[in-house]
N, C-alpha and C. Protein backbone atom coordinates (compact mmCIF):
# COMPACT_ATOMS: atom_id res chain seq x y z
N MET A 1 0.76 -1.56 -0.18
CA MET A 1 -0.26 0.56 0.15
C MET A 1 0.65 1.33 -0.27
N PHE A 2 0.35 2.25 -0.69
CA PHE A 2 1.35 3.39 -0.55
C PHE A 2 1.52 4.19 0.88
N ASP A 3 1.88 4.37 1.06
CA ASP A 3 2.55 5.37 2.48
C ASP A 3 2.07 6.65 2.10
N LYS A 4 0.77 7.15 2.63
CA LYS A 4 0.30 8.44 3.58
C LYS A 4 1.00 9.16 2.77
N ARG A 5 2.42 9.20 4.62
CA ARG A 5 3.59 10.69 4.62
C ARG A 5 4.08 10.16 3.16
N VAL A 6 4.15 9.42 2.63
CA VAL A 6 5.52 9.59 1.38
C VAL A 6 4.49 10.74 0.34
N LYS A 7 3.44 9.70 0.55
CA LYS A 7 2.56 10.34 -0.53
C LYS A 7 2.79 12.41 -0.56
N SER A 8 2.05 12.69 1.53
CA SER A 8 1.80 13.97 1.60
C SER A 8 3.17 14.91 0.72
N LYS A 9 4.95 14.07 1.03
CA LYS A 9 5.84 14.07 1.38
C LYS A 9 5.57 15.44 -0.70
N VAL A 10 5.50 13.89 -0.59
CA VAL A 10 5.41 14.05 -2.88
C VAL A 10 4.90 15.31 -3.00
N TYR A 11 3.58 15.63 -2.34
CA TYR A 11 2.88 16.45 -3.07
C TYR A 11 3.85 18.17 -2.57
N ILE A 12 3.78 17.90 -1.49
CA ILE A 12 4.37 18.59 -0.48
C ILE A 12 5.69 19.25 -1.80
N GLY A 13 6.38 18.41 -1.71
CA GLY A 13 7.67 19.06 -2.69
C GLY A 13 7.13 19.83 -3.96
N ILE A 14 5.66 18.85 -4.72
CA ILE A 14 5.82 19.22 -6.60
C ILE A 14 5.33 20.82 -6.03
N THR A 15 4.24 20.82 -4.72
CA THR A 15 3.78 22.17 -4.69
C THR A 15 4.64 23.71 -4.44
N PHE A 16 5.83 22.97 -3.54
CA PHE A 16 6.72 24.33 -3.31
C PHE A 16 7.73 24.03 -5.00
N LYS A 17 8.11 23.20 -5.81
CA LYS A 17 8.36 23.35 -6.45
C LYS A 17 7.67 24.40 -7.76
N ASN A 18 6.64 24.25 -7.82
CA ASN A 18 5.26 24.97 -9.02
C ASN A 18 5.32 26.76 -8.73
N MET A 19 5.63 26.59 -6.68
CA MET A 19 5.40 28.18 -6.56
C MET A 19 6.60 28.32 -7.08
N GLY A 20 7.65 27.62 -6.84
CA GLY A 20 8.77 28.52 -6.98
C GLY A 20 9.00 28.65 -8.80
N ARG A 21 8.04 28.10 -9.24
CA ARG A 21 8.32 28.04 -10.83
C ARG A 21 7.03 29.21 -11.24
N THR A 22 6.51 29.42 -10.60
CA THR A 22 5.72 29.97 -10.84
C THR A 22 5.66 32.17 -10.44
N GLY A 23 6.33 31.67 -9.62
CA GLY A 23 6.62 32.84 -8.90
C GLY A 23 8.43 33.61 -9.32
N GLY A 24 8.62 32.55 -10.74
CA GLY A 24 10.26 32.97 -11.17
C GLY A 24 9.54 33.63 -12.51
N MET A 25 8.32 33.05 -12.76
CA MET A 25 7.84 33.19 -14.29
C MET A 25 6.77 34.60 -14.65
N MET A 26 6.39 35.39 -12.47
CA MET A 26 5.17 36.38 -12.50
C MET A 26 6.57 37.59 -12.40
N LYS A 27 7.65 37.09 -12.07
CA LYS A 27 9.18 38.27 -12.14
C LYS A 27 9.45 39.00 -13.24
N THR A 28 9.34 37.66 -13.96
CA THR A 28 9.55 37.79 -14.97
C THR A 28 8.58 38.32 -16.11
N ARG A 29 7.33 38.29 -15.90
CA ARG A 29 5.88 38.57 -16.89
C ARG A 29 6.24 40.50 -16.54
N ASP A 30 6.75 40.41 -15.35
CA ASP A 30 6.43 42.29 -14.60
C ASP A 30 7.94 42.96 -15.21
N LYS A 31 8.67 42.12 -15.23
CA LYS A 31 10.41 42.91 -15.91
C LYS A 31 10.19 43.37 -17.13
N ILE A 32 9.27 42.53 -18.00
CA ILE A 32 8.85 42.36 -19.58
C ILE A 32 7.75 43.90 -19.86
N LEU A 33 6.84 43.52 -18.72
CA LEU A 33 6.27 44.97 -18.40
C LEU A 33 6.34 45.88 -18.44
N ASP A 34 7.43 46.09 -17.40
CA ASP A 34 8.26 47.65 -16.96
C ASP A 34 9.07 47.67 -17.95
N CYS A 35 9.62 46.84 -18.73
CA CYS A 35 10.19 47.54 -19.80
C CYS A 35 10.05 47.93 -20.55
N ALA A 36 8.39 47.16 -21.42
CA ALA A 36 8.00 47.67 -22.34
C ALA A 36 7.27 48.58 -22.18
N GLN A 37 6.83 49.41 -21.03
CA GLN A 37 6.22 50.36 -21.26
C GLN A 37 7.27 51.54 -21.05
N ARG A 38 8.95 51.09 -20.61
CA ARG A 38 9.53 52.45 -21.00
C ARG A 38 9.84 52.35 -22.35
N LEU A 39 10.11 52.04 -22.65
CA LEU A 39 10.50 51.80 -24.19
C LEU A 39 9.36 52.18 -25.06
N PHE A 40 7.67 52.06 -25.40
CA PHE A 40 7.23 52.16 -25.49
C PHE A 40 6.94 53.91 -25.41
N SER A 41 7.27 54.53 -24.00
CA SER A 41 6.79 55.47 -23.53
C SER A 41 8.08 56.80 -23.92
N GLU A 42 9.31 56.00 -24.26
CA GLU A 42 9.75 56.35 -24.84
C GLU A 42 10.52 56.38 -26.60
N GLU A 43 10.29 55.37 -26.79
CA GLU A 43 10.00 55.68 -28.50
C GLU A 43 8.80 55.14 -29.61
N GLY A 44 7.92 54.22 -28.42
CA GLY A 44 6.68 54.22 -29.25
C GLY A 44 6.19 53.02 -29.72
N PHE A 45 5.32 52.70 -29.62
CA PHE A 45 4.50 51.19 -29.92
C PHE A 45 5.07 50.84 -30.70
N ASP A 46 4.83 50.95 -32.00
CA ASP A 46 5.27 50.72 -33.22
C ASP A 46 6.61 50.87 -33.33
N LYS A 47 7.53 51.58 -32.85
CA LYS A 47 9.67 51.43 -32.79
C LYS A 47 10.13 49.98 -32.23
N VAL A 48 9.02 49.70 -31.25
CA VAL A 48 10.18 48.86 -30.67
C VAL A 48 9.86 47.28 -30.90
N SER A 49 10.30 46.42 -31.04
CA SER A 49 9.66 45.58 -31.25
C SER A 49 9.68 43.99 -30.19
N THR A 50 9.27 43.19 -30.37
CA THR A 50 9.57 42.78 -28.84
C THR A 50 10.95 42.00 -29.12
N LYS A 51 11.58 41.59 -30.01
CA LYS A 51 13.32 41.21 -29.72
C LYS A 51 13.48 42.45 -28.70
N ARG A 52 13.53 43.81 -29.22
CA ARG A 52 13.86 44.98 -27.79
C ARG A 52 14.19 44.77 -26.88
N ILE A 53 12.59 44.08 -26.91
CA ILE A 53 11.70 44.01 -25.47
C ILE A 53 12.30 43.49 -24.71
N ALA A 54 12.68 42.48 -24.93
CA ALA A 54 13.62 40.77 -24.37
C ALA A 54 14.73 40.97 -23.91
N LYS A 55 15.99 41.77 -25.51
CA LYS A 55 16.85 42.30 -24.80
C LYS A 55 17.51 42.75 -23.56
N GLU A 56 16.35 43.74 -23.57
CA GLU A 56 15.85 44.94 -21.84
C GLU A 56 15.86 44.36 -20.81
N ALA A 57 14.77 43.40 -20.77
CA ALA A 57 14.02 42.44 -19.74
C ALA A 57 15.10 41.52 -20.12
N GLU A 58 16.10 40.86 -20.42
CA GLU A 58 16.93 40.27 -20.21
C GLU A 58 16.57 38.29 -20.23
N CYS A 59 15.48 38.15 -21.54
CA CYS A 59 14.72 37.21 -21.86
C CYS A 59 14.74 36.86 -22.54
N ASN A 60 14.78 35.70 -23.58
CA ASN A 60 13.94 35.15 -24.67
C ASN A 60 12.50 35.48 -25.81
N GLU A 61 13.02 36.08 -26.17
CA GLU A 61 11.71 36.21 -27.01
C GLU A 61 10.65 35.51 -27.04
N VAL A 62 11.13 34.23 -27.61
CA VAL A 62 10.38 32.92 -26.95
C VAL A 62 9.13 33.31 -25.62
N THR A 63 9.55 33.81 -24.52
CA THR A 63 9.41 34.21 -23.58
C THR A 63 7.63 34.82 -23.59
N ILE A 64 7.86 35.95 -24.64
CA ILE A 64 7.13 36.76 -24.62
C ILE A 64 6.05 36.48 -25.54
N PHE A 65 6.37 36.02 -25.96
CA PHE A 65 5.48 35.00 -26.86
C PHE A 65 4.42 34.16 -26.13
N ARG A 66 5.28 33.68 -25.44
CA ARG A 66 4.41 32.19 -24.61
C ARG A 66 3.50 33.40 -23.65
N LEU A 67 4.06 34.11 -22.85
CA LEU A 67 4.01 34.51 -21.97
C LEU A 67 2.06 36.18 -21.93
N PHE A 68 2.30 36.24 -22.66
CA PHE A 68 1.62 37.05 -23.75
C PHE A 68 1.04 37.18 -25.35
N GLY A 69 1.62 36.27 -25.93
CA GLY A 69 1.68 36.30 -27.25
C GLY A 69 1.90 37.64 -28.30
N THR A 70 1.45 38.58 -27.98
CA THR A 70 1.40 39.41 -29.21
C THR A 70 2.06 40.86 -27.93
N LYS A 71 2.68 41.52 -29.67
CA LYS A 71 2.85 43.00 -28.63
C LYS A 71 1.83 43.85 -28.11
N ASN A 72 1.27 43.37 -29.11
CA ASN A 72 -0.38 44.41 -28.72
C ASN A 72 -1.03 43.64 -27.44
N ARG A 73 -0.81 42.49 -27.00
CA ARG A 73 -1.08 42.35 -25.41
C ARG A 73 -0.26 42.92 -24.37
N VAL A 74 1.33 42.74 -25.31
CA VAL A 74 1.77 43.56 -23.81
C VAL A 74 1.38 44.71 -23.36
N LEU A 75 1.10 45.06 -25.08
CA LEU A 75 0.24 47.16 -24.51
C LEU A 75 -1.35 46.82 -23.50
N GLU A 76 -2.12 46.41 -23.43
CA GLU A 76 -2.89 45.63 -23.23
C GLU A 76 -2.93 45.34 -21.45
N GLU A 77 -1.44 44.27 -21.49
CA GLU A 77 -1.31 44.37 -19.89
C GLU A 77 -1.16 45.10 -19.34
N ILE A 78 0.24 46.41 -20.05
CA ILE A 78 0.22 47.49 -19.61
C ILE A 78 -0.82 48.99 -18.68
N ILE A 79 -2.17 48.71 -20.20
CA ILE A 79 -3.21 49.65 -19.47
C ILE A 79 -3.97 48.76 -18.31
N ASN A 80 -4.27 46.98 -18.41
CA ASN A 80 -4.40 46.95 -17.28
C ASN A 80 -4.27 46.82 -16.10
N LYS A 81 -3.01 47.00 -15.71
CA LYS A 81 -1.69 47.07 -14.34
C LYS A 81 -2.36 48.65 -14.42
N PHE A 82 -1.92 49.37 -15.28
CA PHE A 82 -2.38 51.20 -14.62
C PHE A 82 -3.46 51.06 -14.17
N VAL A 83 -4.80 50.58 -14.61
CA VAL A 83 -6.13 50.31 -14.12
C VAL A 83 -6.35 49.91 -12.46
N GLU A 84 -4.95 48.81 -12.34
CA GLU A 84 -5.30 48.49 -11.16
C GLU A 84 -4.84 49.12 -10.18
N GLU A 85 -3.41 49.65 -10.85
CA GLU A 85 -2.79 50.86 -9.83
C GLU A 85 -3.30 52.07 -9.51
N SER A 86 -4.61 52.45 -10.25
CA SER A 86 -4.74 53.88 -10.18
C SER A 86 -6.37 53.66 -9.05
N LYS A 87 -5.58 54.88 -8.36
CA LYS A 87 -6.70 54.86 -7.21
C LYS A 87 -7.78 55.99 -7.51
N ILE A 88 -7.59 57.07 -7.82
CA ILE A 88 -7.91 58.14 -8.00
C ILE A 88 -9.54 58.38 -7.58
N ILE A 89 -10.88 57.33 -8.24
CA ILE A 89 -12.00 57.24 -7.74
C ILE A 89 -11.59 57.53 -6.54
N ARG A 90 -11.38 56.28 -6.01
CA ARG A 90 -11.60 55.44 -4.96
C ARG A 90 -11.02 56.91 -3.97
N SER A 91 -9.96 57.60 -3.65
CA SER A 91 -9.51 58.45 -3.01
C SER A 91 -10.69 60.20 -3.31
N LEU A 92 -11.17 59.76 -4.65
CA LEU A 92 -12.04 60.86 -4.35
C LEU A 92 -13.17 60.84 -3.55
N HIS A 93 -13.85 59.55 -3.72
CA HIS A 93 -14.88 59.57 -3.03
C HIS A 93 -14.29 59.14 -1.55
N GLU A 94 -13.03 59.30 -0.92
CA GLU A 94 -12.70 58.81 0.60
C GLU A 94 -12.36 60.62 0.96
N SER A 95 -11.72 61.75 -0.34
CA SER A 95 -11.63 63.25 0.36
C SER A 95 -12.54 64.20 -0.16
N LEU A 96 -13.22 63.86 -0.25
CA LEU A 96 -14.37 65.00 -1.36
C LEU A 96 -15.18 65.27 -0.42
N THR A 97 -16.29 66.21 0.39
CA THR A 97 -17.23 65.83 1.22
C THR A 97 -18.13 66.99 0.78
N GLY A 98 -18.25 67.68 0.43
CA GLY A 98 -19.26 68.40 0.00
C GLY A 98 -19.57 69.77 0.00
N GLU A 99 -18.31 70.07 0.82
CA GLU A 99 -17.66 71.99 1.24
C GLU A 99 -17.23 72.02 -0.12
N LEU A 100 -17.43 73.29 -1.25
CA LEU A 100 -17.27 73.45 -2.77
C LEU A 100 -16.18 74.17 -3.01
N GLU A 101 -15.29 74.86 -1.81
CA GLU A 101 -13.84 75.66 -2.21
C GLU A 101 -13.26 74.56 -2.06
N GLN A 102 -13.34 73.99 -0.83
CA GLN A 102 -12.02 72.25 -0.45
C GLN A 102 -12.29 71.47 -1.38
N ASP A 103 -13.58 71.37 -1.95
CA ASP A 103 -13.25 70.02 -2.82
C ASP A 103 -13.10 70.52 -4.39
N ILE A 104 -12.91 71.66 -4.55
CA ILE A 104 -12.24 72.05 -6.25
C ILE A 104 -10.41 72.11 -5.52
N ALA A 105 -10.43 72.26 -4.37
CA ALA A 105 -9.16 72.25 -4.12
C ALA A 105 -8.54 70.66 -4.59
N LYS A 106 -9.25 69.84 -3.80
CA LYS A 106 -8.93 68.67 -3.86
C LYS A 106 -8.70 67.50 -4.70
N SER A 107 -9.64 67.89 -5.43
CA SER A 107 -9.77 67.47 -6.95
C SER A 107 -8.52 68.27 -7.52
N ILE A 108 -8.61 69.32 -7.74
CA ILE A 108 -7.46 69.52 -8.54
C ILE A 108 -5.89 68.56 -8.27
N LEU A 109 -5.58 68.33 -6.74
CA LEU A 109 -4.54 68.13 -6.28
C LEU A 109 -4.68 66.52 -6.44
N LEU A 110 -5.74 65.74 -6.44
CA LEU A 110 -5.36 65.03 -6.42
C LEU A 110 -4.97 63.96 -8.04
N TYR A 111 -6.36 65.00 -8.76
CA TYR A 111 -6.06 65.17 -10.37
C TYR A 111 -4.22 65.43 -10.36
N GLN A 112 -3.72 66.66 -9.81
CA GLN A 112 -2.47 66.13 -10.17
C GLN A 112 -1.42 65.25 -9.71
N ASN A 113 -1.49 64.90 -8.36
CA ASN A 113 -0.73 63.69 -8.30
C ASN A 113 -1.09 62.72 -8.69
N PHE A 114 -2.29 62.31 -9.55
CA PHE A 114 -2.36 61.35 -10.33
C PHE A 114 -1.94 60.96 -11.42
N LEU A 115 -2.04 62.09 -12.46
CA LEU A 115 -1.19 62.65 -12.98
C LEU A 115 0.61 62.13 -13.61
N HIS A 116 1.18 62.85 -11.89
CA HIS A 116 2.83 62.72 -12.12
C HIS A 116 2.79 61.18 -11.78
N GLN A 117 2.28 60.67 -10.74
CA GLN A 117 2.39 59.38 -10.60
C GLN A 117 2.57 58.12 -11.73
N HIS A 118 1.59 58.70 -12.94
CA HIS A 118 1.78 57.79 -13.92
C HIS A 118 2.25 58.50 -15.01
N GLU A 119 3.08 59.08 -15.04
CA GLU A 119 3.82 59.81 -16.00
C GLU A 119 3.89 59.61 -16.78
N ILE A 120 4.94 58.05 -16.84
CA ILE A 120 5.33 57.34 -17.64
C ILE A 120 4.19 56.96 -18.62
N ILE A 121 2.99 56.33 -18.22
CA ILE A 121 1.69 56.06 -18.45
C ILE A 121 1.36 57.43 -19.86
N PHE A 122 1.33 58.75 -19.68
CA PHE A 122 0.64 59.60 -20.07
C PHE A 122 2.15 59.66 -21.13
N ARG A 123 2.88 59.73 -21.11
CA ARG A 123 4.27 59.46 -22.13
C ARG A 123 3.97 58.38 -23.42
N LEU A 124 3.82 57.32 -22.45
CA LEU A 124 3.46 56.40 -23.81
C LEU A 124 1.93 56.93 -24.08
N GLN A 125 1.16 57.46 -23.65
CA GLN A 125 -0.27 58.01 -24.56
C GLN A 125 0.48 58.59 -25.34
N LEU A 126 1.53 59.05 -25.11
CA LEU A 126 1.53 61.00 -26.89
C LEU A 126 2.47 59.78 -27.51
N LYS A 127 2.84 58.64 -27.40
CA LYS A 127 3.86 58.27 -28.35
C LYS A 127 2.85 56.86 -29.14
N LEU A 128 1.55 56.62 -28.66
CA LEU A 128 0.23 56.22 -28.99
C LEU A 128 -0.76 56.71 -30.27
N SER A 129 -1.57 55.75 -31.67
CA SER A 129 -2.28 56.28 -32.17
C SER A 129 -2.88 56.76 -31.43
N ASP A 130 -4.39 57.31 -32.08
CA ASP A 130 -5.41 57.61 -31.56
C ASP A 130 -6.91 56.70 -31.21
N SER A 131 -6.27 55.57 -32.04
CA SER A 131 -6.95 54.29 -31.61
C SER A 131 -6.37 53.67 -30.96
N GLU A 132 -5.07 53.91 -29.98
CA GLU A 132 -4.37 52.94 -29.62
C GLU A 132 -4.66 53.70 -27.82
N ASN A 133 -4.78 54.29 -28.34
CA ASN A 133 -4.89 55.84 -26.57
C ASN A 133 -6.75 55.74 -26.83
N GLN A 134 -7.59 55.45 -27.55
CA GLN A 134 -8.78 54.87 -26.54
C GLN A 134 -8.62 54.50 -25.70
N LYS A 135 -7.80 53.12 -25.47
CA LYS A 135 -8.36 52.02 -25.08
C LYS A 135 -7.25 52.97 -22.77
N PHE A 136 -6.64 53.96 -23.50
CA PHE A 136 -6.30 54.36 -22.23
C PHE A 136 -7.90 55.48 -21.50
N LEU A 137 -8.37 55.93 -22.93
CA LEU A 137 -9.22 57.20 -22.39
C LEU A 137 -10.56 56.66 -21.54
N ARG A 138 -10.77 55.02 -22.06
CA ARG A 138 -12.24 54.52 -21.40
C ARG A 138 -11.80 53.60 -19.92
N THR A 139 -10.51 54.14 -19.02
CA THR A 139 -9.98 53.49 -18.20
C THR A 139 -10.49 53.48 -17.21
N ILE A 140 -10.64 54.98 -16.70
CA ILE A 140 -11.06 56.14 -15.34
C ILE A 140 -11.48 56.50 -15.40
N ASP A 141 -12.56 56.90 -14.76
CA ASP A 141 -13.70 57.55 -15.62
C ASP A 141 -14.00 58.59 -13.98
N PHE A 142 -13.02 59.10 -14.56
CA PHE A 142 -12.29 60.56 -13.29
C PHE A 142 -13.43 61.53 -13.30
N LYS A 143 -13.45 61.90 -14.98
CA LYS A 143 -14.22 63.05 -15.09
C LYS A 143 -15.98 63.18 -14.64
N ASN A 144 -16.64 62.04 -14.90
CA ASN A 144 -18.18 61.48 -14.81
C ASN A 144 -18.46 61.63 -13.44
N TYR A 145 -17.78 60.96 -12.89
CA TYR A 145 -17.41 60.28 -10.94
C TYR A 145 -17.75 62.36 -10.64
N LEU A 146 -16.53 63.22 -11.00
CA LEU A 146 -16.48 64.80 -10.53
C LEU A 146 -17.74 65.31 -10.98
N VAL A 147 -18.35 65.10 -12.38
CA VAL A 147 -19.55 65.61 -13.05
C VAL A 147 -20.57 65.63 -11.22
N ASP A 148 -20.78 63.82 -11.66
CA ASP A 148 -22.32 64.01 -10.68
C ASP A 148 -21.94 64.67 -9.59
N HIS A 149 -20.51 64.94 -8.67
CA HIS A 149 -20.28 64.92 -7.73
C HIS A 149 -20.82 65.97 -7.45
N PHE A 150 -20.17 67.09 -8.50
CA PHE A 150 -20.68 68.78 -7.79
C PHE A 150 -21.66 68.67 -8.89
N ILE A 151 -22.53 68.28 -8.91
CA ILE A 151 -24.26 68.66 -10.05
C ILE A 151 -24.38 68.62 -8.02
N GLY A 152 -24.69 67.93 -7.21
CA GLY A 152 -24.87 67.83 -5.96
C GLY A 152 -24.47 68.50 -5.38
N VAL A 153 -23.31 69.48 -5.76
CA VAL A 153 -22.72 70.61 -4.55
C VAL A 153 -22.95 71.68 -4.77
N PHE A 154 -22.83 72.08 -6.13
CA PHE A 154 -23.39 73.35 -6.15
C PHE A 154 -25.61 73.37 -7.08
N HIS A 155 -25.80 72.39 -6.18
CA HIS A 155 -27.48 72.10 -6.03
C HIS A 155 -27.06 72.77 -4.91
N GLU A 156 -26.23 72.34 -3.53
CA GLU A 156 -26.95 72.64 -1.80
C GLU A 156 -25.86 74.22 -2.56
N HIS A 157 -24.47 74.71 -2.31
CA HIS A 157 -24.45 75.59 -2.94
C HIS A 157 -24.97 76.80 -3.41
N LYS A 158 -26.13 76.53 -4.26
CA LYS A 158 -27.16 77.33 -5.34
C LYS A 158 -26.40 78.17 -6.33
N ILE A 159 -25.54 77.17 -6.64
CA ILE A 159 -24.75 77.85 -8.19
C ILE A 159 -25.40 78.10 -9.03
N HIS A 160 -25.18 78.45 -10.01
CA HIS A 160 -26.09 78.17 -11.30
C HIS A 160 -25.12 77.90 -12.64
N TYR A 161 -24.51 77.47 -12.32
CA TYR A 161 -23.31 77.11 -14.24
C TYR A 161 -22.97 75.81 -14.35
N SER A 162 -23.16 75.25 -14.93
CA SER A 162 -23.10 73.63 -15.58
C SER A 162 -21.58 73.05 -14.68
N PRO A 163 -21.68 72.35 -14.47
CA PRO A 163 -20.70 71.42 -13.65
C PRO A 163 -20.17 70.58 -14.81
N GLU A 164 -20.51 70.13 -15.92
CA GLU A 164 -19.84 69.55 -16.54
C GLU A 164 -18.40 70.52 -17.14
N ILE A 165 -19.45 72.04 -17.45
CA ILE A 165 -18.29 72.59 -18.06
C ILE A 165 -17.46 72.84 -17.21
N PHE A 166 -17.58 73.29 -15.67
CA PHE A 166 -17.22 73.25 -15.14
C PHE A 166 -15.38 72.45 -14.50
N VAL A 167 -16.13 71.38 -14.50
CA VAL A 167 -15.05 70.62 -14.25
C VAL A 167 -14.28 70.34 -15.62
N ASN A 168 -15.00 69.77 -16.52
CA ASN A 168 -13.95 69.96 -17.68
C ASN A 168 -13.05 70.64 -18.10
N ASP A 169 -13.24 71.95 -17.73
CA ASP A 169 -12.73 73.20 -17.98
C ASP A 169 -11.49 72.48 -16.53
N MET A 170 -11.83 72.60 -15.52
CA MET A 170 -10.72 72.06 -14.50
C MET A 170 -10.17 71.51 -14.49
N LEU A 171 -10.33 70.29 -15.63
CA LEU A 171 -9.69 69.03 -15.81
C LEU A 171 -8.37 69.30 -16.64
N SER A 172 -9.09 69.87 -17.74
CA SER A 172 -8.21 70.09 -18.82
C SER A 172 -6.91 71.15 -18.46
N SER A 173 -7.13 71.53 -17.14
CA SER A 173 -6.12 73.15 -17.35
C SER A 173 -5.02 72.33 -16.36
N VAL A 174 -5.46 71.66 -15.67
CA VAL A 174 -4.24 70.96 -15.05
C VAL A 174 -3.80 70.44 -15.81
N MET A 175 -4.02 69.02 -16.80
CA MET A 175 -4.07 68.41 -17.86
C MET A 175 -2.47 69.12 -19.06
N GLY A 176 -3.58 70.72 -18.97
CA GLY A 176 -2.74 71.26 -19.89
C GLY A 176 -0.93 71.85 -19.63
N SER A 177 -1.69 71.98 -17.81
CA SER A 177 0.07 72.01 -17.32
C SER A 177 1.53 71.35 -16.90
N PHE A 178 0.55 69.59 -16.53
CA PHE A 178 0.74 68.74 -16.24
C PHE A 178 1.79 67.99 -18.56
N LEU A 179 1.19 68.32 -19.56
CA LEU A 179 1.60 67.94 -20.62
C LEU A 179 2.80 69.13 -20.71
N LEU A 180 2.81 70.51 -20.54
CA LEU A 180 3.69 71.63 -20.75
C LEU A 180 4.99 71.21 -20.30
N LYS A 181 4.59 69.92 -18.84
CA LYS A 181 6.16 69.97 -18.29
C LYS A 181 6.40 68.67 -19.11
N ILE A 182 5.67 67.84 -19.50
CA ILE A 182 6.16 66.94 -20.45
C ILE A 182 6.76 67.42 -21.85
N LEU A 183 6.74 68.20 -22.08
CA LEU A 183 6.82 68.62 -23.99
C LEU A 183 8.09 69.64 -23.54
N THR A 184 8.21 70.11 -22.13
CA THR A 184 8.64 71.30 -22.40
C THR A 184 10.82 70.31 -21.70
N GLN A 185 10.39 68.75 -21.32
CA GLN A 185 11.60 68.18 -20.65
C GLN A 185 11.44 68.36 -19.23
N GLY A 186 10.61 68.57 -18.18
CA GLY A 186 10.42 68.95 -17.30
C GLY A 186 10.51 70.21 -16.87
N LYS A 187 11.33 71.03 -17.43
CA LYS A 187 11.71 72.46 -17.16
C LYS A 187 10.48 72.86 -16.58
N PHE A 188 9.61 72.84 -16.26
CA PHE A 188 8.12 73.46 -15.84
C PHE A 188 8.00 72.29 -14.88
N THR A 189 8.25 72.77 -13.57
CA THR A 189 8.96 72.48 -12.38
C THR A 189 9.04 73.66 -11.07
N GLY A 190 9.33 72.36 -10.40
CA GLY A 190 9.72 72.52 -8.84
C GLY A 190 9.38 73.95 -8.56
N GLU A 191 8.80 74.72 -7.54
CA GLU A 191 8.94 75.72 -7.33
C GLU A 191 7.82 76.96 -8.30
N ARG A 192 7.55 76.97 -9.37
CA ARG A 192 7.01 77.70 -10.64
C ARG A 192 5.93 76.56 -10.55
N ASP A 193 6.51 75.28 -10.78
CA ASP A 193 4.83 74.09 -10.69
C ASP A 193 4.13 74.57 -9.15
N GLY A 194 4.58 74.36 -8.24
CA GLY A 194 3.49 74.62 -7.12
C GLY A 194 3.27 75.44 -7.10
N HIS A 195 3.63 76.85 -7.47
CA HIS A 195 3.14 78.35 -7.88
C HIS A 195 1.83 78.14 -8.77
N PHE A 196 1.14 77.79 -10.17
CA PHE A 196 0.83 77.64 -10.75
C PHE A 196 -0.61 77.33 -10.29
N LEU A 197 0.53 75.73 -9.27
CA LEU A 197 -0.78 74.93 -8.79
C LEU A 197 -1.40 75.52 -7.93
N SER A 198 -1.08 76.36 -7.11
CA SER A 198 -1.47 77.09 -5.67
C SER A 198 -2.84 78.35 -6.89
N GLU A 199 -2.28 78.79 -7.41
CA GLU A 199 -3.15 79.62 -8.21
C GLU A 199 -4.30 79.52 -9.07
N LYS A 200 -3.97 78.42 -9.62
CA LYS A 200 -5.02 77.33 -10.16
C LYS A 200 -6.74 77.64 -9.58
N ILE A 201 -5.86 76.80 -8.02
CA ILE A 201 -7.05 76.94 -7.21
C ILE A 201 -7.29 77.28 -7.09
N LYS A 202 -7.13 78.77 -6.09
CA LYS A 202 -7.41 80.36 -6.12
C LYS A 202 -8.25 80.75 -7.66
N PHE A 203 -8.11 80.52 -8.96
CA PHE A 203 -8.64 80.84 -9.36
C PHE A 203 -9.53 80.28 -10.22
N TYR A 204 -9.98 78.63 -10.15
CA TYR A 204 -11.31 77.97 -10.25
C TYR A 204 -12.47 78.34 -8.58
N GLN A 205 -12.06 78.26 -7.25
CA GLN A 205 -12.33 78.75 -6.05
C GLN A 205 -12.92 80.06 -6.50
N ASN A 206 -12.17 81.02 -7.12
CA ASN A 206 -13.15 82.20 -6.77
C ASN A 206 -13.84 82.46 -8.03
N SER A 207 -13.47 81.52 -9.62
CA SER A 207 -15.03 81.92 -10.24
C SER A 207 -16.05 81.35 -10.34
N ILE A 208 -15.98 80.34 -9.47
CA ILE A 208 -17.57 79.88 -9.40
C ILE A 208 -18.46 80.22 -8.38
N ASN A 209 -17.35 81.10 -7.57
CA ASN A 209 -18.25 81.34 -5.84
C ASN A 209 -19.50 83.49 -6.60
N GLN A 210 -18.31 83.65 -8.38
CA GLN A 210 -19.66 84.41 -9.10
C GLN A 210 -20.85 83.66 -9.39
N TYR A 211 -21.38 82.71 -9.80
CA TYR A 211 -22.57 82.30 -10.61
C TYR A 211 -23.58 81.70 -8.99
N LYS A 212 -23.00 82.18 -7.58
CA LYS A 212 -23.51 81.72 -6.94
C LYS A 212 -24.82 82.57 -6.56
N LYS A 213 -26.10 82.28 -6.49
CA LYS A 213 -27.48 83.02 -6.59
C LYS A 213 -27.55 83.32 -4.66
N THR A 214 -27.91 84.76 -4.79
CA THR A 214 -27.80 85.47 -4.00
C THR A 214 -29.78 85.57 -3.58
N GLU A 215 -29.57 85.39 -2.08
CA GLU A 215 -31.57 85.63 -1.88
C GLU A 215 -32.08 86.65 -1.99
């Protein structure tokens, strides 16, 4: 009869062996994604081959095909990882309180932090075609979340102005400054960056108050 103790040892040995193999493959997978993300953001999706990614990730090109299948799938995995790591809507939900001026400041600061935390992703987006960019644009719906939030806030504070126009203008302004930083290779940073952000917050806080209905 087969000894149960021997059987357990065999299973344990197989489990540990498979766990080590799986862990190694996950590290290789993550390294491929990190290298591909960096290369795509620097040189563009079309100009980077799977052979180049493999060289940077220190693995065989066959490994990329085995793990992802195609280069397009590598890009899709980068997008999926970006979505999983992005917590901006949760942060908005936890931070916004309904206080008009505070919520404007928090929305701008959270969006700014989000952009900077994922700068490499947005550099990658600048290198993509319009059709490829649509995949990113559909990932995080913070604009619609903010519009829904400010509909209630504007009603509560008797603000007679379109929340959608306000949010779109506010986010576009923050994004514009962020893209200027990227396009000027980081020259639009430091104290000037902080100063402009502070002035932007004051501008939107002050501008919306003029639409407040007085009894």
